[in-house]
Amino acid sequence: MHILLLNNGEDETLVRQLHDVVVSFNGMFTLDVYSERDVPSDVLERTEVVLCAALPPSLREQMPNLKLVQFWSAGVDGKLYPELFTNANGQDVMISTGSGIHAASCSEHVLAMMLSFARGIHLSVDAQRAAKWSRREQADKLFTLEGKTVGIVGAGQIGQAIARRCQAFGMRTVGTLRDPEKPTPHFDYVLSHLQYHDLILASDMIVLALPLTPHTRWLFGEEEIEILRPPTYVFNIGRGGLWDERHVLQAVKRGWIAGVGVDVFVDEPLPSDSPWWSAPNTIITPHTGGVNPDYWERFGALVMRQLTAIAEGRPCGNLVDRHLGY
């Protein structure tokens, strides 16, 4: 089976990792490595598995034997199109995401933001730069995570990793899932997406950890802000399009939201003149929630599991539902 890695300058660790994975199957798979601009037509024609950040339609249409597209991102918003899922002969193509390889880093990222608000770390950093001993000013703003309720909108692999760490701090965990009857570890309660507002009403901290699809775009906006119970903190580790940035910014400026932790924006990089930079009680990180030094090793392990499933005739994991968009 022929595998194509579309490598547009990613870490060389990725190439070495995938080469070792392919070699371990003793000739069952072959690996070609090219950039998007340099792939020969004969390589495209024989490709059955493609590993990529995104697959341009111009390349997809030259892959009549494709069986699996493996993205290394967890989110696939903007990367899906109808022709991706089906070959010209009507054969279905499996589309898989890198879901799970970001779980540890994303969950620790959210906890870091929570702890910063709880213990005033961001305030202390500002005071340190001003050479100011700010104990008195901070005292009435500090709190503990223990005993608080966190509502995690999206109880997938990242959501579960966040819940696990929150429980370790003594927090009560509530999540939403398309199928709330599905076994979901580390949650005290799991609600359906239709009960989303019940989660908001019950939460001291809200985390958006969903993929961006037509169904989840602007999921959090003016209506949700109106029913927050003060003081509530809101964190977005998913995609900028999950919330209405304009209303969230207005709410944190007016104190309707106690604090915001945001790692993702609709426009990235965030423009230097964006009003977000000066927003009060806001922690901004530059889409680094998924960054970790073991990223490509984790992706290599995922590819190993996927190829093992193919070799054994089993379905691959992390498959995208073409109707749901994730």
Protein backbone atom coordinates (compact mmCIF):
# COMPACT_ATOMS: atom_id res chain seq x y z
CA MET A 1 0.00 0.00 0.00
CA HIS A 2 1.40 3.38 -1.04
CA ILE A 3 1.52 6.24 1.50
CA LEU A 4 2.16 9.86 0.58
CA LEU A 5 3.35 12.41 3.14
CA LEU A 6 2.68 15.97 2.00
CA ASN A 7 5.55 17.64 3.78
CA ASN A 8 5.63 21.40 3.37
CA GLY A 9 8.53 22.09 5.70
CA GLU A 10 7.27 20.41 8.85
CA ASP A 11 9.81 19.16 11.40
CA GLU A 12 12.18 16.52 10.02
CA THR A 13 11.26 14.50 13.11
CA LEU A 14 7.97 13.78 11.36
CA VAL A 15 9.69 12.23 8.33
CA ARG A 16 11.97 10.09 10.50
CA GLN A 17 9.09 8.99 12.69
CA LEU A 18 6.92 7.93 9.75
CA HIS A 19 9.80 6.17 8.04
CA ASP A 20 10.31 4.05 11.17
CA VAL A 21 6.56 3.30 11.31
CA VAL A 22 6.46 2.14 7.67
CA VAL A 23 9.61 0.01 8.01
CA SER A 24 8.07 -1.82 10.97
CA PHE A 25 5.45 -3.35 8.64
CA ASN A 26 8.11 -5.26 6.69
CA GLY A 27 7.30 -4.07 3.18
CA MET A 28 3.50 -3.93 3.46
CA PHE A 29 3.59 -0.13 3.06
CA THR A 30 5.81 2.27 1.10
CA LEU A 31 6.33 5.96 1.91
CA ASP A 32 6.73 8.84 -0.54
CA VAL A 33 7.57 12.33 0.78
CA TYR A 34 6.89 15.42 -1.33
CA SER A 35 5.74 18.99 -0.96
CA GLU A 36 2.36 19.88 -2.47
CA ARG A 37 4.03 21.61 -5.42
CA ASP A 38 6.39 18.80 -6.33
CA VAL A 39 4.36 15.57 -6.28
CA PRO A 40 4.76 13.64 -9.58
CA SER A 41 1.53 12.53 -11.23
CA ASP A 42 2.45 8.85 -11.03
CA VAL A 43 2.89 9.14 -7.25
CA LEU A 44 -0.52 10.77 -6.90
CA GLU A 45 -2.10 8.05 -9.03
CA ARG A 46 -0.80 5.22 -6.86
CA THR A 47 -1.35 6.92 -3.48
CA GLU A 48 -3.74 5.05 -1.20
CA VAL A 49 -3.02 6.82 2.11
CA VAL A 50 -2.16 10.52 2.36
CA LEU A 51 -0.84 12.19 5.54
CA CYS A 52 -1.23 15.94 5.48
CA ALA A 53 -2.23 19.24 7.05
CA ALA A 54 -4.73 19.71 4.20
CA LEU A 55 -5.37 18.07 0.82
CA PRO A 56 -5.95 20.57 -2.01
CA PRO A 57 -8.71 19.58 -4.46
CA SER A 58 -6.23 19.89 -7.33
CA LEU A 59 -4.22 17.00 -5.86
CA ARG A 60 -7.24 15.03 -4.65
CA GLU A 61 -8.66 14.76 -8.16
CA GLN A 62 -5.47 12.98 -9.26
CA MET A 63 -5.77 10.26 -6.58
CA PRO A 64 -8.17 7.60 -7.96
CA ASN A 65 -7.00 4.90 -5.51
CA LEU A 66 -7.23 6.87 -2.28
CA LYS A 67 -8.45 4.95 0.79
CA LEU A 68 -7.48 7.11 3.77
CA VAL A 69 -6.77 10.80 4.37
CA GLN A 70 -5.06 11.29 7.72
CA PHE A 71 -4.91 14.90 8.90
CA TRP A 72 -2.55 15.75 11.72
CA SER A 73 -4.82 18.49 13.09
CA ALA A 74 -7.73 17.76 15.41
CA GLY A 75 -9.95 20.32 13.70
CA VAL A 76 -10.82 19.97 10.02
CA ASP A 77 -12.86 23.13 9.51
CA GLY A 78 -12.11 24.52 6.06
CA LYS A 79 -10.46 21.27 4.94
CA LEU A 80 -13.48 19.19 3.94
CA TYR A 81 -15.25 19.13 0.57
CA PRO A 82 -17.59 16.53 -1.00
CA GLU A 83 -15.04 15.05 -3.43
CA LEU A 84 -12.72 14.26 -0.53
CA PHE A 85 -14.97 11.46 0.71
CA THR A 86 -15.54 9.51 -2.50
CA ASN A 87 -13.41 8.30 -5.41
CA ALA A 88 -14.59 8.63 -9.00
CA ASN A 89 -15.61 4.95 -8.98
CA GLY A 90 -17.91 5.54 -5.99
CA GLN A 91 -15.58 3.97 -3.41
CA ASP A 92 -15.76 5.66 -0.01
CA VAL A 93 -12.61 7.23 1.43
CA MET A 94 -11.92 7.31 5.17
CA ILE A 95 -11.13 10.79 6.53
CA SER A 96 -9.39 10.83 9.91
CA THR A 97 -8.24 13.58 12.27
CA GLY A 98 -5.38 13.91 14.74
CA SER A 99 -7.84 14.05 17.62
CA GLY A 100 -6.22 13.06 20.90
CA ILE A 101 -2.62 14.02 20.17
CA HIS A 102 -3.31 17.52 21.53
CA ALA A 103 -5.25 16.42 24.61
CA ALA A 104 -2.48 16.73 27.20
CA SER A 105 -1.16 20.10 26.03
CA CYS A 106 -4.59 21.66 25.45
CA SER A 107 -5.91 20.55 28.83
CA GLU A 108 -2.82 21.80 30.68
CA HIS A 109 -3.13 25.07 28.76
CA VAL A 110 -6.70 25.57 30.00
CA LEU A 111 -5.72 24.68 33.57
CA ALA A 112 -2.86 27.17 33.42
CA MET A 113 -5.32 29.91 32.47
CA MET A 114 -7.75 28.88 35.20
CA LEU A 115 -5.02 28.87 37.83
CA SER A 116 -3.75 32.24 36.63
CA PHE A 117 -7.16 33.79 37.24
CA ALA A 118 -7.71 31.94 40.51
CA ARG A 119 -4.34 32.85 42.03
CA GLY A 120 -3.83 36.19 40.30
CA ILE A 121 -0.68 35.11 38.47
CA HIS A 122 -1.37 37.44 35.53
CA LEU A 123 -1.84 40.32 37.97
CA SER A 124 1.40 39.51 39.77
CA VAL A 125 3.32 39.45 36.47
CA ASP A 126 1.99 42.93 35.64
CA ALA A 127 2.88 44.17 39.12
CA GLN A 128 6.35 42.65 38.89
CA ARG A 129 7.04 44.57 35.68
CA ALA A 130 5.95 47.76 37.47
CA ALA A 131 8.05 46.87 40.56
CA LYS A 132 4.89 47.07 42.66
CA TRP A 133 4.02 44.95 45.72
CA SER A 134 0.32 44.37 44.95
CA ARG A 135 -0.80 42.09 47.77
CA ARG A 136 -3.52 44.39 49.03
CA GLU A 137 -4.97 45.03 45.56
CA GLN A 138 -5.06 41.32 44.72
CA ALA A 139 -6.36 39.93 48.00
CA ASP A 140 -10.06 40.25 47.30
CA LYS A 141 -9.70 38.86 43.75
CA LEU A 142 -8.11 35.51 44.60
CA PHE A 143 -9.97 32.21 44.91
CA THR A 144 -9.46 28.47 44.66
CA LEU A 145 -10.58 26.06 41.96
CA GLU A 146 -11.66 23.55 44.58
CA GLY A 147 -15.44 23.44 44.85
CA LYS A 148 -16.05 25.28 41.58
CA THR A 149 -18.09 23.84 38.72
CA VAL A 150 -16.54 23.70 35.27
CA GLY A 151 -18.79 23.29 32.24
CA ILE A 152 -16.95 21.79 29.28
CA VAL A 153 -18.78 22.24 26.00
CA GLY A 154 -17.53 19.26 24.04
CA ALA A 155 -16.70 16.16 26.08
CA GLY A 156 -14.41 14.60 23.46
CA GLN A 157 -10.81 13.61 24.03
CA ILE A 158 -9.63 17.13 24.84
CA GLY A 159 -12.71 17.78 26.96
CA GLN A 160 -12.12 14.58 28.91
CA ALA A 161 -8.47 15.49 29.50
CA ILE A 162 -9.56 18.89 30.83
CA ALA A 163 -12.17 17.27 33.08
CA ARG A 164 -9.63 14.80 34.45
CA ARG A 165 -7.31 17.61 35.52
CA CYS A 166 -10.15 19.71 36.92
CA GLN A 167 -11.31 16.81 39.07
CA ALA A 168 -7.79 16.55 40.46
CA PHE A 169 -8.26 20.12 41.74
CA GLY A 170 -11.54 19.19 43.41
CA MET A 171 -13.81 20.72 40.78
CA ARG A 172 -17.22 19.44 39.76
CA THR A 173 -17.27 18.60 36.04
CA VAL A 174 -20.22 18.92 33.66
CA GLY A 175 -19.95 18.30 29.93
CA THR A 176 -22.01 18.18 26.77
CA LEU A 177 -21.93 15.42 24.18
CA ARG A 178 -23.97 14.57 21.11
CA ASP A 179 -24.75 11.20 22.73
CA PRO A 180 -24.86 11.76 26.52
CA GLU A 181 -25.40 8.03 27.11
CA LYS A 182 -21.93 7.28 25.75
CA PRO A 183 -19.46 6.34 28.53
CA THR A 184 -17.47 9.51 29.22
CA PRO A 185 -14.80 9.34 31.93
CA HIS A 186 -13.94 12.19 34.33
CA PHE A 187 -17.34 13.88 34.17
CA ASP A 188 -19.75 14.07 37.09
CA TYR A 189 -22.58 14.84 34.68
CA VAL A 190 -22.90 14.67 30.89
CA LEU A 191 -25.71 16.52 29.12
CA SER A 192 -26.82 16.51 25.52
CA HIS A 193 -25.95 19.48 23.33
CA LEU A 194 -29.64 20.42 23.57
CA GLN A 195 -29.08 21.03 27.32
CA TYR A 196 -26.21 23.42 26.64
CA HIS A 197 -27.86 26.31 28.47
CA ASP A 198 -28.33 24.15 31.56
CA LEU A 199 -24.54 23.70 31.60
CA ILE A 200 -24.03 27.47 31.39
CA LEU A 201 -26.43 28.11 34.25
CA ALA A 202 -24.60 25.57 36.44
CA SER A 203 -21.01 26.64 35.76
CA ASP A 204 -18.46 28.94 37.38
CA MET A 205 -16.08 28.32 34.50
CA ILE A 206 -16.99 27.46 30.91
CA VAL A 207 -14.63 25.88 28.40
CA LEU A 208 -15.36 25.72 24.67
CA ALA A 209 -13.65 22.57 23.38
CA LEU A 210 -15.65 21.78 20.25
CA PRO A 211 -14.67 21.46 16.59
CA LEU A 212 -15.90 24.27 14.37
CA THR A 213 -18.74 23.15 12.11
CA PRO A 214 -21.82 24.89 10.67
CA HIS A 215 -23.69 23.61 13.74
CA THR A 216 -21.22 25.00 16.31
CA ARG A 217 -20.35 28.36 14.73
CA TRP A 218 -21.18 31.24 17.10
CA LEU A 219 -22.38 28.76 19.68
CA PHE A 220 -21.58 31.21 22.47
CA GLY A 221 -22.87 34.73 22.05
CA GLU A 222 -25.24 37.39 23.34
CA GLU A 223 -27.95 34.96 24.46
CA GLU A 224 -25.49 32.84 26.44
CA ILE A 225 -23.83 35.88 28.03
CA GLU A 226 -27.22 37.05 29.30
CA ILE A 227 -27.74 33.87 31.34
CA LEU A 228 -24.25 33.65 32.91
CA ARG A 229 -24.21 33.58 36.68
CA PRO A 230 -21.62 36.07 37.94
CA PRO A 231 -18.72 35.74 38.32
CA THR A 232 -18.13 33.34 35.42
CA TYR A 233 -14.90 32.78 33.52
CA VAL A 234 -14.95 31.62 29.88
CA PHE A 235 -12.17 29.86 27.96
CA ASN A 236 -11.90 29.06 24.26
CA ILE A 237 -9.43 26.31 23.31
CA GLY A 238 -11.37 25.18 20.20
CA ARG A 239 -11.76 27.68 17.35
CA GLY A 240 -12.36 31.43 17.19
CA GLY A 241 -15.60 30.92 15.31
CA LEU A 242 -17.18 29.06 18.23
CA TRP A 243 -18.15 32.34 19.86
CA ASP A 244 -19.25 35.78 18.78
CA GLU A 245 -15.99 37.66 19.41
CA ARG A 246 -17.68 41.05 19.37
CA HIS A 247 -20.17 40.21 22.11
CA VAL A 248 -17.61 38.36 24.24
CA LEU A 249 -15.22 41.33 24.05
CA GLN A 250 -18.00 43.73 24.98
CA ALA A 251 -19.04 41.51 27.90
CA VAL A 252 -15.58 41.26 29.42
CA LYS A 253 -15.08 45.03 29.06
CA ARG A 254 -18.35 45.67 30.91
CA GLY A 255 -17.65 43.08 33.58
CA TRP A 256 -20.46 40.74 32.56
CA ILE A 257 -17.80 38.03 32.18
CA ALA A 258 -15.31 37.88 35.06
CA GLY A 259 -12.43 36.79 32.86
CA VAL A 260 -11.63 35.33 29.46
CA GLY A 261 -8.86 32.93 28.45
CA VAL A 262 -8.53 32.71 24.68
CA ASP A 263 -6.09 30.73 22.54
CA VAL A 264 -7.90 31.00 19.20
CA PHE A 265 -9.27 33.82 17.07
CA VAL A 266 -11.17 34.09 13.80
CA ASP A 267 -8.33 36.19 12.34
CA GLU A 268 -4.88 34.81 13.07
CA PRO A 269 -2.35 36.20 13.70
CA LEU A 270 -4.38 38.62 15.81
CA PRO A 271 -3.86 42.11 14.28
CA SER A 272 -1.76 44.49 16.36
CA ASP A 273 -4.62 47.02 16.43
CA SER A 274 -7.18 44.50 17.71
CA PRO A 275 -9.11 45.74 20.77
CA TRP A 276 -8.56 42.31 22.31
CA TRP A 277 -4.97 43.26 23.23
CA SER A 278 -6.19 45.85 25.73
CA ALA A 279 -9.22 43.93 27.03
CA PRO A 280 -9.36 43.76 30.85
CA ASN A 281 -9.26 40.43 32.70
CA THR A 282 -8.19 38.66 29.54
CA ILE A 283 -5.39 36.16 28.96
CA ILE A 284 -4.39 35.77 25.31
CA THR A 285 -2.14 33.02 23.98
CA PRO A 286 -1.18 32.75 20.27
CA HIS A 287 -2.87 29.44 19.38
CA THR A 288 -0.28 27.48 21.35
CA GLY A 289 -2.68 25.19 23.21
CA GLY A 290 -1.78 22.22 21.02
CA VAL A 291 1.95 22.86 20.93
CA ASN A 292 4.17 20.28 22.63
CA PRO A 293 7.63 18.89 21.92
CA ASP A 294 6.27 15.37 21.35
CA TYR A 295 3.72 16.41 18.70
CA TRP A 296 5.17 14.44 15.79
CA GLU A 297 5.98 11.42 17.94
CA ARG A 298 2.34 11.38 19.01
CA PHE A 299 1.20 11.70 15.40
CA GLY A 300 3.55 8.86 14.42
CA ALA A 301 1.97 6.67 17.09
CA LEU A 302 -1.47 7.51 15.70
CA VAL A 303 -0.37 6.58 12.18
CA MET A 304 0.98 3.29 13.55
CA ARG A 305 -2.45 2.51 15.04
CA GLN A 306 -4.20 3.44 11.80
CA LEU A 307 -1.92 1.31 9.61
CA THR A 308 -2.25 -1.60 12.03
CA ALA A 309 -6.04 -1.33 11.71
CA ILE A 310 -5.76 -1.36 7.92
CA ALA A 311 -3.41 -4.36 8.00
CA GLU A 312 -5.83 -6.25 10.24
CA GLY A 313 -8.93 -5.28 8.27
CA ARG A 314 -10.38 -3.14 11.06
CA PRO A 315 -11.87 0.38 10.80
CA CYS A 316 -9.50 3.25 11.47
CA GLY A 317 -10.01 5.59 14.42
CA ASN A 318 -10.89 9.31 14.60
CA LEU A 319 -13.07 9.06 11.49
CA VAL A 320 -14.90 12.17 10.30
CA ASP A 321 -18.66 11.99 9.76
CA ARG A 322 -19.20 13.75 6.43
CA HIS A 323 -22.63 14.96 7.55
CA LEU A 324 -21.51 16.33 10.93
CA GLY A 325 -18.23 17.76 9.69
CA TYR A 326 -16.09 16.25 12.45
